[in-house]
């Protein structure tokens, strides 16, 4: 059986970052810019848009189910305070609008990535296993 480790967390975070920044980023290389700036290709734009929507919903549901609203709030506060510290130490220049937006998007992708990893991490740390309540009401 595969043990969940750092490479798995990094892979989930990178996947979440690609999803978030592929949907929108302040450097004009995203789905939003493609549908706004490139004429035509309507069927492909709809296909990619629906796919991105599905992936965002999966990431949001995964994060909400594993972290809960309190966990999401606490992690958001943690990341916001970390960003504030970086701003105070002149590592981040949020006066530049693109840097500010990118910082928010990286926080979102980190929430997605941790949300997709948290059940595995909690299992490793505390030994608790998550399960979904499944009832057998099948008509078959």
C-alpha atoms as a PDB file:
ATOM      1  CA  UNK A   1       0.000   0.000   0.000  1.00  0.00           C
ATOM      2  CA  UNK A   2       1.245   3.486  -0.872  1.00  0.00           C
ATOM      3  CA  UNK A   3       2.094   5.688   2.099  1.00  0.00           C
ATOM      4  CA  UNK A   4       0.907   9.292   1.826  1.00  0.00           C
ATOM      5  CA  UNK A   5       3.844  11.693   2.106  1.00  0.00           C
ATOM      6  CA  UNK A   6       5.337  15.047   1.169  1.00  0.00           C
ATOM      7  CA  UNK A   7       5.440  14.289  -2.594  1.00  0.00           C
ATOM      8  CA  UNK A   8       1.680  13.614  -2.503  1.00  0.00           C
ATOM      9  CA  UNK A   9       0.996  16.909  -0.723  1.00  0.00           C
ATOM     10  CA  UNK A  10       3.197  18.797  -3.186  1.00  0.00           C
ATOM     11  CA  UNK A  11       1.496  17.089  -6.153  1.00  0.00           C
ATOM     12  CA  UNK A  12      -1.938  18.091  -4.846  1.00  0.00           C
ATOM     13  CA  UNK A  13      -0.785  21.656  -4.209  1.00  0.00           C
ATOM     14  CA  UNK A  14       0.744  21.931  -7.686  1.00  0.00           C
ATOM     15  CA  UNK A  15      -2.439  20.541  -9.227  1.00  0.00           C
ATOM     16  CA  UNK A  16      -4.528  23.057  -7.272  1.00  0.00           C
ATOM     17  CA  UNK A  17      -2.180  25.879  -8.270  1.00  0.00           C
ATOM     18  CA  UNK A  18      -2.445  24.926 -11.950  1.00  0.00           C
ATOM     19  CA  UNK A  19      -6.241  24.870 -11.617  1.00  0.00           C
ATOM     20  CA  UNK A  20      -6.469  28.269  -9.925  1.00  0.00           C
ATOM     21  CA  UNK A  21      -3.873  30.048 -12.049  1.00  0.00           C
ATOM     22  CA  UNK A  22      -5.099  28.351 -15.218  1.00  0.00           C
ATOM     23  CA  UNK A  23      -8.554  29.735 -14.557  1.00  0.00           C
ATOM     24  CA  UNK A  24      -7.334  33.263 -13.835  1.00  0.00           C
ATOM     25  CA  UNK A  25      -4.035  34.965 -13.191  1.00  0.00           C
ATOM     26  CA  UNK A  26      -2.939  38.602 -13.405  1.00  0.00           C
ATOM     27  CA  UNK A  27      -0.418  37.892 -16.172  1.00  0.00           C
ATOM     28  CA  UNK A  28      -3.012  37.383 -18.965  1.00  0.00           C
ATOM     29  CA  UNK A  29      -2.260  33.668 -19.429  1.00  0.00           C
ATOM     30  CA  UNK A  30      -5.512  32.098 -18.308  1.00  0.00           C
ATOM     31  CA  UNK A  31      -8.892  30.766 -19.312  1.00  0.00           C
ATOM     32  CA  UNK A  32     -10.526  34.106 -18.484  1.00  0.00           C
ATOM     33  CA  UNK A  33      -8.174  35.944 -20.803  1.00  0.00           C
ATOM     34  CA  UNK A  34      -8.618  33.316 -23.530  1.00  0.00           C
ATOM     35  CA  UNK A  35     -12.412  33.651 -23.592  1.00  0.00           C
ATOM     36  CA  UNK A  36     -12.197  37.442 -23.388  1.00  0.00           C
ATOM     37  CA  UNK A  37      -9.403  38.137 -25.851  1.00  0.00           C
ATOM     38  CA  UNK A  38      -9.483  35.360 -28.461  1.00  0.00           C
ATOM     39  CA  UNK A  39     -12.427  35.283 -30.882  1.00  0.00           C
ATOM     40  CA  UNK A  40     -14.026  32.027 -31.988  1.00  0.00           C
ATOM     41  CA  UNK A  41     -13.430  28.526 -30.643  1.00  0.00           C
ATOM     42  CA  UNK A  42     -16.739  28.669 -28.760  1.00  0.00           C
ATOM     43  CA  UNK A  43     -17.247  24.926 -28.354  1.00  0.00           C
ATOM     44  CA  UNK A  44     -13.701  24.457 -27.018  1.00  0.00           C
ATOM     45  CA  UNK A  45     -14.132  27.390 -24.632  1.00  0.00           C
ATOM     46  CA  UNK A  46     -17.350  25.879 -23.271  1.00  0.00           C
ATOM     47  CA  UNK A  47     -15.735  22.451 -22.893  1.00  0.00           C
ATOM     48  CA  UNK A  48     -12.735  23.869 -21.014  1.00  0.00           C
ATOM     49  CA  UNK A  49     -14.995  26.135 -18.928  1.00  0.00           C
ATOM     50  CA  UNK A  50     -17.234  23.276 -17.822  1.00  0.00           C
ATOM     51  CA  UNK A  51     -14.164  21.162 -17.029  1.00  0.00           C
ATOM     52  CA  UNK A  52     -12.672  23.965 -14.922  1.00  0.00           C
ATOM     53  CA  UNK A  53     -16.007  24.434 -13.139  1.00  0.00           C
ATOM     54  CA  UNK A  54     -16.166  20.732 -12.283  1.00  0.00           C
ATOM     55  CA  UNK A  55     -12.584  20.757 -10.988  1.00  0.00           C
ATOM     56  CA  UNK A  56     -13.224  23.854  -8.846  1.00  0.00           C
ATOM     57  CA  UNK A  57     -16.364  22.264  -7.373  1.00  0.00           C
ATOM     58  CA  UNK A  58     -14.432  19.073  -6.561  1.00  0.00           C
ATOM     59  CA  UNK A  59     -11.657  21.096  -4.896  1.00  0.00           C
ATOM     60  CA  UNK A  60     -14.117  23.244  -2.920  1.00  0.00           C
ATOM     61  CA  UNK A  61     -16.142  20.243  -1.734  1.00  0.00           C
ATOM     62  CA  UNK A  62     -12.989  18.348  -0.824  1.00  0.00           C
ATOM     63  CA  UNK A  63     -11.615  21.275   1.182  1.00  0.00           C
ATOM     64  CA  UNK A  64     -14.945  21.961   2.878  1.00  0.00           C
ATOM     65  CA  UNK A  65     -15.497  18.330   3.826  1.00  0.00           C
ATOM     66  CA  UNK A  66     -12.004  17.668   5.124  1.00  0.00           C
ATOM     67  CA  UNK A  67     -11.175  21.034   6.737  1.00  0.00           C
ATOM     68  CA  UNK A  68     -14.641  22.298   7.633  1.00  0.00           C
ATOM     69  CA  UNK A  69     -15.536  25.969   7.682  1.00  0.00           C
ATOM     70  CA  UNK A  70     -13.600  26.553  10.904  1.00  0.00           C
ATOM     71  CA  UNK A  71     -10.478  24.947   9.433  1.00  0.00           C
ATOM     72  CA  UNK A  72     -10.788  26.975   6.239  1.00  0.00           C
ATOM     73  CA  UNK A  73     -11.194  30.144   8.305  1.00  0.00           C
ATOM     74  CA  UNK A  74      -8.205  29.330  10.498  1.00  0.00           C
ATOM     75  CA  UNK A  75      -5.977  28.467   7.540  1.00  0.00           C
ATOM     76  CA  UNK A  76      -7.059  31.621   5.725  1.00  0.00           C
ATOM     77  CA  UNK A  77      -6.144  33.649   8.824  1.00  0.00           C
ATOM     78  CA  UNK A  78      -2.792  31.829   9.032  1.00  0.00           C
ATOM     79  CA  UNK A  79      -1.936  32.480   5.379  1.00  0.00           C
ATOM     80  CA  UNK A  80      -3.141  36.089   5.542  1.00  0.00           C
ATOM     81  CA  UNK A  81      -0.986  36.740   8.615  1.00  0.00           C
ATOM     82  CA  UNK A  82       1.987  35.069   6.882  1.00  0.00           C
ATOM     83  CA  UNK A  83       1.436  37.327   3.859  1.00  0.00           C
ATOM     84  CA  UNK A  84       1.209  40.333   6.182  1.00  0.00           C
ATOM     85  CA  UNK A  85       4.533  39.338   7.749  1.00  0.00           C
ATOM     86  CA  UNK A  86       6.108  39.072   4.286  1.00  0.00           C
ATOM     87  CA  UNK A  87       4.717  42.504   3.428  1.00  0.00           C
ATOM     88  CA  UNK A  88       6.082  44.001   6.677  1.00  0.00           C
ATOM     89  CA  UNK A  89       9.517  42.553   5.889  1.00  0.00           C
ATOM     90  CA  UNK A  90       9.362  43.935   2.331  1.00  0.00           C
ATOM     91  CA  UNK A  91       9.391  40.487   0.719  1.00  0.00           C
ATOM     92  CA  UNK A  92       6.003  41.095  -0.942  1.00  0.00           C
ATOM     93  CA  UNK A  93       5.137  44.382  -2.599  1.00  0.00           C
ATOM     94  CA  UNK A  94       1.348  44.410  -2.648  1.00  0.00           C
ATOM     95  CA  UNK A  95       1.336  47.968  -3.960  1.00  0.00           C
ATOM     96  CA  UNK A  96       1.841  46.199  -7.293  1.00  0.00           C
ATOM     97  CA  UNK A  97      -1.698  44.959  -8.097  1.00  0.00           C
ATOM     98  CA  UNK A  98      -0.504  41.811  -9.883  1.00  0.00           C
ATOM     99  CA  UNK A  99       1.514  40.718  -6.850  1.00  0.00           C
ATOM    100  CA  UNK A 100      -1.482  41.292  -4.565  1.00  0.00           C
ATOM    101  CA  UNK A 101      -3.810  39.257  -6.800  1.00  0.00           C
ATOM    102  CA  UNK A 102      -1.221  36.505  -7.245  1.00  0.00           C
ATOM    103  CA  UNK A 103      -0.799  36.312  -3.454  1.00  0.00           C
ATOM    104  CA  UNK A 104      -4.561  35.838  -3.003  1.00  0.00           C
ATOM    105  CA  UNK A 105      -4.640  33.178  -5.732  1.00  0.00           C
ATOM    106  CA  UNK A 106      -1.730  31.275  -4.159  1.00  0.00           C
ATOM    107  CA  UNK A 107      -3.557  31.345  -0.817  1.00  0.00           C
ATOM    108  CA  UNK A 108      -6.654  29.921  -2.540  1.00  0.00           C
ATOM    109  CA  UNK A 109      -4.655  27.193  -4.276  1.00  0.00           C
ATOM    110  CA  UNK A 110      -2.967  26.323  -0.983  1.00  0.00           C
ATOM    111  CA  UNK A 111      -6.385  25.973   0.648  1.00  0.00           C
ATOM    112  CA  UNK A 112      -7.449  23.690  -2.206  1.00  0.00           C
ATOM    113  CA  UNK A 113      -4.259  21.632  -1.945  1.00  0.00           C
ATOM    114  CA  UNK A 114      -4.438  21.264   1.828  1.00  0.00           C
ATOM    115  CA  UNK A 115      -8.150  20.479   1.596  1.00  0.00           C
ATOM    116  CA  UNK A 116      -7.378  17.616  -0.766  1.00  0.00           C
ATOM    117  CA  UNK A 117      -4.585  16.384   1.539  1.00  0.00           C
ATOM    118  CA  UNK A 118      -5.965  17.008   5.017  1.00  0.00           C
ATOM    119  CA  UNK A 119      -7.800  13.705   5.548  1.00  0.00           C
ATOM    120  CA  UNK A 120      -4.592  11.822   4.769  1.00  0.00           C
ATOM    121  CA  UNK A 121      -2.533  14.103   7.012  1.00  0.00           C
ATOM    122  CA  UNK A 122      -4.977  13.829   9.916  1.00  0.00           C
ATOM    123  CA  UNK A 123      -4.945  10.053   9.554  1.00  0.00           C
ATOM    124  CA  UNK A 124      -1.137  10.035   9.728  1.00  0.00           C
ATOM    125  CA  UNK A 125      -1.006  12.454  12.681  1.00  0.00           C
ATOM    126  CA  UNK A 126      -3.910  11.253  14.828  1.00  0.00           C
ATOM    127  CA  UNK A 127      -4.752   7.837  13.472  1.00  0.00           C
ATOM    128  CA  UNK A 128      -8.314   8.959  12.717  1.00  0.00           C
ATOM    129  CA  UNK A 129      -9.901   7.702   9.533  1.00  0.00           C
ATOM    130  CA  UNK A 130     -12.526   9.735   7.657  1.00  0.00           C
ATOM    131  CA  UNK A 131     -15.444   7.991   6.081  1.00  0.00           C
ATOM    132  CA  UNK A 132     -18.597   9.096   4.382  1.00  0.00           C
ATOM    133  CA  UNK A 133     -21.857   7.903   5.862  1.00  0.00           C
ATOM    134  CA  UNK A 134     -23.127   5.503   3.250  1.00  0.00           C
ATOM    135  CA  UNK A 135     -26.610   4.083   3.457  1.00  0.00           C
ATOM    136  CA  UNK A 136     -27.764   1.155   1.380  1.00  0.00           C
ATOM    137  CA  UNK A 137     -31.043   2.429  -0.027  1.00  0.00           C
ATOM    138  CA  UNK A 138     -30.413   1.103  -3.503  1.00  0.00           C
ATOM    139  CA  UNK A 139     -33.580   0.194  -5.397  1.00  0.00           C
ATOM    140  CA  UNK A 140     -31.689  -2.665  -7.063  1.00  0.00           C
END
